Amino acid sequence: MGQSDVVEYVNINDQPSSPRVYGTRKVSILPLIFLILYEVSGGPFGVEDSVKAAGPLLALLGFLVSPIIWSVPEALITAEMGTMFPENGGYVVWVSSALGPYWGFQQGWMKWLSGVIDNALYPVLFLDYLKSGIPALGNGLPRAFVAGLTIVGWAAVLLGIFSLLPFVVMGLVSLPKLEPSRWLVVNLGEVDWNLYLNTLFWNLNYWDSISTLAGEVDNPKKTLPKALFNALILVIFGYFFPLLVGTGAIPLDRDLWTDGYFSDIAKVLGGVWLRWWIQGAAAMSNMGMFVAEMSSDSFQLLGMAERGMLPEVFAKRSRYGTPLIGIIFSASGVVLLSWLSFQDIVAAENFLYCFGMIMEFIAFIWLRIQYPAASCPYKIPTGTVGAIIMCIPPTILICVVLALSTLKVAALSIGAVVIGLVMQPCLKYAEKKRLMKFSTSAELPDLHGPEQESVDSLPE
């Protein structure tokens, strides 16, 4: 598959994280939990379309069952692989280690582009919530703020509490109006499966994004698995509880269940003050998701530059330790895509993300088969066969999402993939002709060394 390099699977007990930047603090477990929350969720803003597409029962079941099929396997793989390769670049390094640098670059291109498309959602979603209270608002430009990742992490904690708390209040004031029979409404003949699955998939993915920040985490071999577990619980509760309240306390009108509808429910249940709180929470949540995704995308580019996959300029950091060039590139892509509709962005982002996840599953299983005895700070308690079985349900879900994509989305996404296939040889040519400067950090372990080194690196 692409390069024929023999992969060196280093002993991760001796493996350093990304090159240390002196003067910057590492991210601890609580900020990391909320960074993961904002990488994946940020609250229930954007889940409304699941009720519009399929009704209350399937929406509720979807956010209970889908995490088992998709989120749990992805989070477990991220915990194992992220502790095995605790460096910026994350899944790019996993795929590169298993399949070679060519496919590692393709993984980086698809996941970065998917992340940029995903980040274009948040200005759109933010405006949808504002328009529910101020209909005159229709346009806007996203803004990114550059700060140290530690500051971003603690800001995510505060934003997360502020964004989730109004839904707890809404649940309390809804108690007298709850009618459990409303939760059981379903009509399989009127389900928009494309919208339903895309909404579920988008709201439950991106667990692997935190891996691109592993080099900035304090003791990632212990912190990352714990943070992923706690974030998983928080995400599921943050989706299911508001849906339970909204569908149980308000008479069903599926046409009204679209972006921003939770603020209307809040006004009916609690009054204008609760509506404004929900809208403020949506604004803060979208800000948190925007900054978290921007951090992940830009640190991924930094990690790829440290591995010599991108020009050296992408590895430069600001005085706060942030990858300034990566932020500029990622923000530029967001601005260019913000004019698209919410549903169009979700569909395009999901398509590219599916391709990237297939490569991650292949890399995970390949490394398990090739090096079953390799030491690892966190290892999923299954053998190789169990690891393969665990990847089957999410792979089936990926195939269904791809099959339901429109021809327009498929054509644009495949075109983007082709650009990546051509871009990597072009960059190698530029490196060979010294048109751009590339370098690999001496502090990172060699992923593609000689075969003898590969054998010697395995623990006895």
Protein backbone atom coordinates (compact mmCIF):
# COMPACT_ATOMS: atom_id res chain seq x y z
CA MET A 1 0.00 0.00 0.00
CA GLY A 2 2.05 2.97 -1.22
CA GLN A 3 5.51 3.02 0.41
CA SER A 4 7.37 -0.22 0.96
CA ASP A 5 9.23 0.96 4.08
CA VAL A 6 9.55 -1.57 6.85
CA VAL A 7 7.92 -0.05 9.89
CA GLU A 8 9.85 0.36 13.10
CA TYR A 9 7.48 -0.12 16.01
CA VAL A 10 9.36 1.52 18.82
CA ASN A 11 9.12 0.59 22.47
CA ILE A 12 6.66 3.20 23.61
CA ASN A 13 7.94 3.03 27.21
CA ASP A 14 11.00 4.90 25.96
CA GLN A 15 9.22 7.06 23.41
CA PRO A 16 9.15 10.82 24.03
CA SER A 17 6.23 13.02 23.19
CA SER A 18 6.46 15.87 20.72
CA PRO A 19 9.48 18.16 21.01
CA ARG A 20 9.25 20.07 24.24
CA VAL A 21 8.63 23.79 24.10
CA TYR A 22 10.16 25.40 27.16
CA GLY A 23 8.09 28.02 28.96
CA THR A 24 4.73 26.46 28.07
CA ARG A 25 2.60 24.43 30.49
CA LYS A 26 1.09 21.05 29.68
CA VAL A 27 -2.67 20.42 29.69
CA SER A 28 -3.98 18.57 32.77
CA ILE A 29 -6.90 16.14 32.96
CA LEU A 30 -9.85 18.48 33.69
CA PRO A 31 -9.15 20.90 30.82
CA LEU A 32 -8.46 17.87 28.61
CA ILE A 33 -11.92 16.43 29.38
CA PHE A 34 -13.59 19.64 28.29
CA LEU A 35 -11.34 19.99 25.23
CA ILE A 36 -12.54 16.51 24.20
CA LEU A 37 -16.12 17.58 24.95
CA TYR A 38 -15.73 20.48 22.54
CA GLU A 39 -13.90 18.40 19.94
CA VAL A 40 -16.85 15.98 19.88
CA SER A 41 -19.93 17.78 21.15
CA GLY A 42 -20.08 21.08 23.02
CA GLY A 43 -23.63 20.35 24.12
CA PRO A 44 -26.88 19.46 22.34
CA PHE A 45 -26.73 22.34 19.84
CA GLY A 46 -27.19 20.71 16.44
CA VAL A 47 -28.99 17.51 17.49
CA GLU A 48 -32.45 18.96 16.74
CA ASP A 49 -32.40 17.63 13.16
CA SER A 50 -32.45 14.06 14.51
CA VAL A 51 -36.03 14.64 15.75
CA LYS A 52 -37.01 16.35 12.50
CA ALA A 53 -35.62 13.43 10.51
CA ALA A 54 -36.90 10.47 12.53
CA GLY A 55 -39.14 11.54 15.42
CA PRO A 56 -38.59 11.36 19.20
CA LEU A 57 -38.15 7.61 19.71
CA LEU A 58 -35.48 7.07 17.06
CA ALA A 59 -33.71 10.28 18.07
CA LEU A 60 -33.49 9.14 21.70
CA LEU A 61 -32.49 5.59 20.78
CA GLY A 62 -29.94 6.93 18.32
CA PHE A 63 -28.08 8.86 20.98
CA LEU A 64 -28.08 5.83 23.29
CA VAL A 65 -27.17 3.08 20.81
CA SER A 66 -24.89 4.95 18.39
CA PRO A 67 -22.28 5.77 21.05
CA ILE A 68 -21.89 2.03 21.69
CA ILE A 69 -21.48 1.30 17.97
CA TRP A 70 -19.31 4.29 17.13
CA SER A 71 -18.09 6.47 19.99
CA VAL A 72 -16.86 3.74 22.34
CA PRO A 73 -14.70 1.94 19.73
CA GLU A 74 -13.28 5.23 18.44
CA ALA A 75 -12.51 6.46 21.96
CA LEU A 76 -10.87 3.14 22.90
CA ILE A 77 -8.70 3.15 19.78
CA THR A 78 -7.74 6.77 20.46
CA ALA A 79 -6.76 5.87 24.03
CA GLU A 80 -4.56 2.94 22.92
CA MET A 81 -2.95 4.56 19.91
CA GLY A 82 -2.68 7.99 21.52
CA THR A 83 -0.72 6.58 24.46
CA MET A 84 1.40 4.48 22.11
CA PHE A 85 2.34 7.56 20.06
CA PRO A 86 2.06 10.52 22.47
CA GLU A 87 3.02 13.24 20.02
CA ASN A 88 1.39 15.99 17.99
CA GLY A 89 0.20 14.58 14.71
CA GLY A 90 -1.89 11.86 16.36
CA TYR A 91 -3.62 9.66 13.80
CA VAL A 92 -1.20 10.82 11.09
CA VAL A 93 1.60 9.11 13.02
CA TRP A 94 -0.51 5.97 13.61
CA VAL A 95 -1.20 5.50 9.91
CA SER A 96 2.34 6.44 8.92
CA SER A 97 3.76 3.87 11.35
CA ALA A 98 1.52 1.11 9.99
CA LEU A 99 1.23 1.89 6.27
CA GLY A 100 4.09 4.25 5.47
CA PRO A 101 4.53 8.02 5.13
CA TYR A 102 2.59 8.32 1.88
CA TRP A 103 -0.62 7.05 3.44
CA GLY A 104 0.15 8.93 6.64
CA PHE A 105 0.12 12.13 4.59
CA GLN A 106 -3.20 11.14 2.97
CA GLN A 107 -4.65 10.59 6.41
CA GLY A 108 -3.42 14.00 7.50
CA TRP A 109 -4.85 15.71 4.43
CA MET A 110 -8.29 14.11 4.69
CA LYS A 111 -8.62 14.61 8.44
CA TRP A 112 -7.34 18.19 8.32
CA LEU A 113 -9.74 19.07 5.50
CA SER A 114 -12.56 17.32 7.35
CA GLY A 115 -11.71 19.29 10.48
CA VAL A 116 -11.68 22.60 8.62
CA ILE A 117 -15.06 21.79 7.05
CA ASP A 118 -16.35 20.80 10.48
CA ASN A 119 -15.15 24.09 11.95
CA ALA A 120 -17.06 26.01 9.31
CA LEU A 121 -20.24 24.68 10.96
CA TYR A 122 -19.89 26.64 14.14
CA PRO A 123 -20.33 30.16 12.77
CA VAL A 124 -23.37 28.83 10.85
CA LEU A 125 -24.81 27.09 13.93
CA PHE A 126 -24.13 30.17 16.06
CA LEU A 127 -26.04 32.41 13.64
CA ASP A 128 -28.94 29.92 13.47
CA TYR A 129 -29.38 30.23 17.24
CA LEU A 130 -29.12 34.03 17.14
CA LYS A 131 -31.66 34.19 14.30
CA SER A 132 -34.18 32.33 16.46
CA GLY A 133 -34.18 35.39 18.74
CA ILE A 134 -33.04 38.11 16.31
CA PRO A 135 -34.35 37.16 12.83
CA ALA A 136 -32.60 40.13 11.21
CA LEU A 137 -29.23 38.47 11.70
CA GLY A 138 -28.20 36.50 8.66
CA ASN A 139 -24.52 36.94 8.01
CA GLY A 140 -21.35 36.91 10.03
CA LEU A 141 -17.65 36.17 10.02
CA PRO A 142 -15.90 33.75 12.39
CA ARG A 143 -12.98 34.99 14.42
CA ALA A 144 -10.21 32.92 15.96
CA PHE A 145 -8.20 33.96 18.98
CA VAL A 146 -4.65 32.76 19.50
CA ALA A 147 -3.69 31.81 23.06
CA GLY A 148 -1.74 29.13 24.82
CA LEU A 149 -3.41 25.70 24.82
CA THR A 150 -3.47 25.61 28.63
CA ILE A 151 -5.51 28.83 28.65
CA VAL A 152 -7.78 27.40 25.95
CA GLY A 153 -8.29 24.26 28.04
CA TRP A 154 -9.37 26.11 31.19
CA ALA A 155 -11.56 28.40 29.11
CA ALA A 156 -13.22 25.23 27.76
CA VAL A 157 -14.01 24.16 31.35
CA LEU A 158 -15.80 27.45 32.07
CA LEU A 159 -17.58 27.47 28.71
CA GLY A 160 -18.68 23.86 29.20
CA ILE A 161 -20.25 24.52 32.59
CA PHE A 162 -22.02 27.63 31.27
CA SER A 163 -23.26 25.77 28.15
CA LEU A 164 -24.64 22.67 29.90
CA LEU A 165 -26.11 24.24 33.04
CA PRO A 166 -29.20 25.84 31.38
CA PHE A 167 -30.33 22.42 30.15
CA VAL A 168 -30.26 21.12 33.73
CA VAL A 169 -32.46 24.10 34.71
CA MET A 170 -34.71 23.46 31.72
CA GLY A 171 -35.10 19.86 32.86
CA LEU A 172 -36.20 20.96 36.32
CA VAL A 173 -38.80 23.47 35.10
CA SER A 174 -40.14 20.91 32.58
CA LEU A 175 -41.08 18.28 35.18
CA PRO A 176 -44.78 19.26 35.49
CA LYS A 177 -45.20 19.18 31.70
CA LEU A 178 -43.47 15.90 30.88
CA GLU A 179 -45.59 13.28 29.11
CA PRO A 180 -43.62 10.02 28.64
CA SER A 181 -45.93 8.88 25.82
CA ARG A 182 -44.41 11.57 23.60
CA TRP A 183 -41.05 9.77 23.73
CA LEU A 184 -42.53 6.73 21.97
CA VAL A 185 -43.70 8.47 18.80
CA VAL A 186 -42.23 6.88 15.66
CA ASN A 187 -43.21 6.51 12.00
CA LEU A 188 -40.70 4.46 10.02
CA GLY A 189 -42.34 5.45 6.77
CA GLU A 190 -41.46 9.12 7.29
CA VAL A 191 -37.82 8.80 8.33
CA ASP A 192 -35.21 10.83 6.45
CA TRP A 193 -32.40 8.31 6.93
CA ASN A 194 -29.73 10.45 5.27
CA LEU A 195 -30.37 13.43 7.57
CA TYR A 196 -30.86 11.18 10.60
CA LEU A 197 -27.61 9.22 10.22
CA ASN A 198 -25.57 12.26 9.23
CA THR A 199 -26.81 14.12 12.32
CA LEU A 200 -25.97 11.20 14.62
CA PHE A 201 -22.61 10.60 12.96
CA TRP A 202 -21.53 14.23 13.08
CA ASN A 203 -22.52 14.68 16.72
CA LEU A 204 -20.72 11.53 17.87
CA ASN A 205 -17.43 11.58 15.98
CA TYR A 206 -14.05 13.33 16.29
CA TRP A 207 -12.91 11.43 19.40
CA ASP A 208 -9.57 10.94 17.67
CA SER A 209 -9.02 14.69 17.22
CA ILE A 210 -7.58 15.03 20.70
CA SER A 211 -4.70 12.75 19.65
CA THR A 212 -3.19 15.62 17.64
CA LEU A 213 -2.69 17.46 20.94
CA ALA A 214 -1.11 14.50 22.78
CA GLY A 215 2.29 16.20 22.76
CA GLU A 216 0.83 19.09 24.75
CA VAL A 217 -0.76 16.88 27.45
CA ASP A 218 0.69 16.35 30.90
CA ASN A 219 1.56 12.62 31.22
CA PRO A 220 -0.59 11.58 28.23
CA LYS A 221 -0.06 7.85 28.84
CA LYS A 222 -2.25 8.08 31.96
CA THR A 223 -4.21 11.28 31.42
CA LEU A 224 -5.57 10.59 27.93
CA PRO A 225 -7.52 7.35 28.65
CA LYS A 226 -9.07 8.82 31.82
CA ALA A 227 -10.07 12.01 30.04
CA LEU A 228 -11.64 10.08 27.15
CA PHE A 229 -13.71 7.92 29.52
CA ASN A 230 -15.07 10.91 31.47
CA ALA A 231 -15.73 12.91 28.31
CA LEU A 232 -17.69 9.98 26.85
CA ILE A 233 -20.10 10.01 29.81
CA LEU A 234 -20.43 13.80 29.64
CA VAL A 235 -21.14 13.79 25.89
CA ILE A 236 -23.85 11.12 26.06
CA PHE A 237 -25.59 12.88 28.97
CA GLY A 238 -25.28 16.24 27.21
CA TYR A 239 -27.19 14.89 24.20
CA PHE A 240 -29.73 12.52 25.72
CA PHE A 241 -31.03 14.63 28.63
CA PRO A 242 -31.98 17.76 26.59
CA LEU A 243 -33.65 15.58 23.93
CA LEU A 244 -35.57 13.78 26.68
CA VAL A 245 -36.77 17.10 28.08
CA GLY A 246 -37.59 18.74 24.74
CA THR A 247 -39.49 15.84 23.24
CA GLY A 248 -41.32 14.98 26.46
CA ALA A 249 -42.46 18.44 27.54
CA ILE A 250 -43.54 19.98 24.22
CA PRO A 251 -46.19 18.70 21.75
CA LEU A 252 -44.43 17.29 18.70
CA ASP A 253 -44.10 19.33 15.52
CA ARG A 254 -41.23 17.76 13.60
CA ASP A 255 -40.94 20.65 11.16
CA LEU A 256 -39.92 22.96 14.01
CA TRP A 257 -37.08 20.69 15.14
CA THR A 258 -34.16 22.36 13.39
CA ASP A 259 -31.06 24.29 14.43
CA GLY A 260 -31.92 26.72 17.23
CA TYR A 261 -35.16 25.07 18.35
CA PHE A 262 -33.95 24.41 21.90
CA SER A 263 -34.06 28.15 22.55
CA ASP A 264 -37.75 28.18 21.53
CA ILE A 265 -38.45 25.24 23.85
CA ALA A 266 -36.69 27.10 26.66
CA LYS A 267 -38.97 30.12 26.16
CA VAL A 268 -42.11 27.94 26.32
CA LEU A 269 -40.95 26.10 29.44
CA GLY A 270 -39.19 28.81 31.40
CA GLY A 271 -39.72 32.15 29.77
CA VAL A 272 -37.61 34.68 27.89
CA TRP A 273 -34.82 34.61 30.49
CA LEU A 274 -34.20 30.88 29.89
CA ARG A 275 -34.34 31.40 26.14
CA TRP A 276 -31.62 34.02 26.30
CA TRP A 277 -29.55 31.77 28.55
CA ILE A 278 -29.80 28.94 26.00
CA GLN A 279 -28.84 31.33 23.20
CA GLY A 280 -25.91 32.61 25.22
CA ALA A 281 -24.91 29.03 25.95
CA ALA A 282 -25.08 28.24 22.22
CA ALA A 283 -22.82 31.19 21.49
CA MET A 284 -20.29 30.10 24.12
CA SER A 285 -20.51 26.47 23.01
CA ASN A 286 -19.85 27.29 19.39
CA MET A 287 -16.95 29.48 20.42
CA GLY A 288 -15.55 26.56 22.43
CA MET A 289 -15.98 24.08 19.57
CA PHE A 290 -14.44 26.50 17.12
CA VAL A 291 -11.35 27.08 19.26
CA ALA A 292 -10.95 23.39 20.19
CA GLU A 293 -11.22 22.26 16.57
CA MET A 294 -8.87 25.03 15.47
CA SER A 295 -6.35 23.87 18.07
CA SER A 296 -6.58 20.27 16.88
CA ASP A 297 -6.28 21.16 13.19
CA SER A 298 -3.34 23.51 13.66
CA PHE A 299 -1.41 21.19 16.00
CA GLN A 300 -1.95 18.38 13.48
CA LEU A 301 -0.17 20.50 10.85
CA LEU A 302 2.59 21.20 13.37
CA GLY A 303 2.95 17.47 14.07
CA MET A 304 3.15 16.70 10.34
CA ALA A 305 5.84 19.37 9.93
CA GLU A 306 7.80 17.87 12.82
CA ARG A 307 7.68 14.57 10.93
CA GLY A 308 8.93 16.21 7.71
CA MET A 309 5.61 15.78 5.88
CA LEU A 310 5.01 19.53 5.55
CA PRO A 311 7.39 22.48 5.15
CA GLU A 312 9.31 23.45 8.27
CA VAL A 313 7.41 26.74 8.61
CA PHE A 314 4.35 24.83 9.88
CA ALA A 315 6.38 23.70 12.92
CA LYS A 316 7.03 27.28 14.07
CA ARG A 317 5.31 28.30 17.30
CA SER A 318 4.24 31.62 18.73
CA ARG A 319 5.52 32.83 22.09
CA TYR A 320 2.48 31.09 23.61
CA GLY A 321 3.53 27.75 22.12
CA THR A 322 0.74 27.73 19.52
CA PRO A 323 1.32 26.86 15.82
CA LEU A 324 0.60 30.25 14.29
CA ILE A 325 0.95 29.26 10.61
CA GLY A 326 -1.31 26.25 11.13
CA ILE A 327 -3.94 28.49 12.74
CA ILE A 328 -3.80 30.93 9.82
CA PHE A 329 -4.20 28.13 7.23
CA SER A 330 -7.02 26.45 9.15
CA ALA A 331 -8.88 29.72 9.77
CA SER A 332 -8.63 30.66 6.09
CA GLY A 333 -10.34 27.42 5.10
CA VAL A 334 -13.10 28.03 7.63
CA VAL A 335 -13.82 31.50 6.24
CA LEU A 336 -14.03 30.16 2.69
CA LEU A 337 -16.55 27.46 3.69
CA SER A 338 -18.77 29.40 6.10
CA TRP A 339 -21.23 30.38 3.35
CA LEU A 340 -22.46 26.78 2.98
CA SER A 341 -25.61 25.55 4.72
CA PHE A 342 -25.47 23.48 7.92
CA GLN A 343 -26.66 20.27 6.23
CA ASP A 344 -24.27 20.61 3.25
CA ILE A 345 -21.28 21.09 5.54
CA VAL A 346 -22.23 18.11 7.72
CA ALA A 347 -22.59 15.80 4.71
CA ALA A 348 -19.26 16.84 3.13
CA GLU A 349 -17.39 16.65 6.42
CA ASN A 350 -18.81 13.20 7.23
CA PHE A 351 -17.79 11.80 3.84
CA LEU A 352 -14.14 12.80 4.22
CA TYR A 353 -14.10 11.79 7.85
CA CYS A 354 -15.28 8.30 6.91
CA PHE A 355 -12.30 7.80 4.60
CA GLY A 356 -9.93 8.86 7.38
CA MET A 357 -11.53 6.54 9.93
CA ILE A 358 -11.22 3.54 7.60
CA MET A 359 -7.47 4.19 7.42
CA GLU A 360 -7.30 4.48 11.21
CA PHE A 361 -9.05 1.13 11.67
CA ILE A 362 -6.67 -0.50 9.17
CA ALA A 363 -3.63 0.99 10.94
CA PHE A 364 -4.90 -0.10 14.37
CA ILE A 365 -5.57 -3.68 13.29
CA TRP A 366 -2.33 -3.88 11.26
CA LEU A 367 -0.21 -2.83 14.25
CA ARG A 368 -2.08 -5.29 16.48
CA ILE A 369 -1.37 -8.13 14.02
CA GLN A 370 2.27 -7.21 13.37
CA TYR A 371 3.23 -6.47 16.97
CA PRO A 372 0.81 -8.23 19.35
CA ALA A 373 3.36 -8.27 22.19
CA ALA A 374 4.30 -4.59 22.02
CA SER A 375 4.11 -2.87 25.39
CA CYS A 376 1.53 -0.12 25.70
CA PRO A 377 0.50 2.15 28.62
CA TYR A 378 -3.17 1.53 27.77
CA LYS A 379 -4.32 -1.47 25.78
CA ILE A 380 -7.89 -2.40 24.90
CA PRO A 381 -8.55 -5.67 26.80
CA THR A 382 -9.18 -7.75 23.69
CA GLY A 383 -6.92 -9.87 21.55
CA THR A 384 -6.37 -9.31 17.86
CA VAL A 385 -9.62 -11.07 16.94
CA GLY A 386 -11.53 -8.96 19.46
CA ALA A 387 -9.97 -5.80 18.03
CA ILE A 388 -11.13 -6.76 14.54
CA ILE A 389 -14.66 -7.56 15.76
CA MET A 390 -14.82 -4.22 17.59
CA CYS A 391 -14.11 -2.38 14.32
CA ILE A 392 -16.83 -4.15 12.32
CA PRO A 393 -19.95 -2.24 13.57
CA PRO A 394 -18.44 1.25 13.06
CA THR A 395 -17.16 0.18 9.64
CA ILE A 396 -20.69 -0.89 8.66
CA LEU A 397 -21.97 2.50 9.86
CA ILE A 398 -19.32 4.22 7.73
CA CYS A 399 -20.43 2.27 4.66
CA VAL A 400 -24.08 3.23 5.28
CA VAL A 401 -23.19 6.93 5.66
CA LEU A 402 -21.14 6.83 2.45
CA ALA A 403 -23.90 5.01 0.56
CA LEU A 404 -26.51 7.60 1.57
CA SER A 405 -24.38 10.57 0.48
CA THR A 406 -25.61 12.64 -2.43
CA LEU A 407 -23.78 12.53 -5.75
CA LYS A 408 -22.69 16.16 -5.31
CA VAL A 409 -21.12 15.53 -1.90
CA ALA A 410 -19.45 12.31 -3.10
CA ALA A 411 -17.99 14.01 -6.18
CA LEU A 412 -16.59 16.96 -4.22
CA SER A 413 -15.16 14.71 -1.51
CA ILE A 414 -13.52 12.30 -3.94
CA GLY A 415 -12.07 15.29 -5.77
CA ALA A 416 -10.55 16.48 -2.50
CA VAL A 417 -9.05 13.03 -1.92
CA VAL A 418 -7.47 13.08 -5.37
CA ILE A 419 -5.85 16.43 -4.58
CA GLY A 420 -4.16 14.81 -1.57
CA LEU A 421 -2.93 11.88 -3.67
CA VAL A 422 -1.17 14.34 -5.98
CA MET A 423 -0.07 16.84 -3.33
CA GLN A 424 2.29 14.49 -1.45
CA PRO A 425 4.52 13.69 -4.47
CA CYS A 426 4.56 17.41 -5.32
CA LEU A 427 5.79 18.27 -1.85
CA LYS A 428 8.46 15.57 -2.09
CA TYR A 429 9.57 17.05 -5.41
CA ALA A 430 9.74 20.51 -3.83
CA GLU A 431 11.84 19.07 -1.01
CA LYS A 432 14.18 17.33 -3.45
CA LYS A 433 14.66 20.52 -5.49
CA ARG A 434 15.02 22.53 -2.26
CA LEU A 435 12.12 24.77 -3.21
CA MET A 436 10.88 24.48 0.38
CA LYS A 437 12.66 23.61 3.59
CA PHE A 438 11.63 20.38 5.32
CA SER A 439 13.07 18.86 8.49
CA THR A 440 12.28 16.06 10.93
CA SER A 441 12.61 16.70 14.65
CA ALA A 442 15.54 14.82 16.16
CA GLU A 443 13.54 14.34 19.37
CA LEU A 444 10.97 12.08 17.70
CA PRO A 445 11.51 8.33 17.24
CA ASP A 446 12.09 6.90 13.77
CA LEU A 447 8.92 5.23 12.48
CA HIS A 448 10.49 3.80 9.33
CA GLY A 449 13.85 2.42 10.31
CA PRO A 450 15.61 -0.80 9.25
CA GLU A 451 13.96 -4.13 9.84
CA GLN A 452 16.52 -5.17 12.44
CA GLU A 453 15.77 -2.09 14.52
CA SER A 454 12.10 -2.93 14.27
CA VAL A 455 12.70 -6.35 15.78
CA ASP A 456 15.03 -5.05 18.47
CA SER A 457 12.56 -2.37 19.53
CA LEU A 458 9.96 -4.91 20.63
CA PRO A 459 9.90 -5.77 24.34
CA GLU A 460 10.98 -9.22 25.32
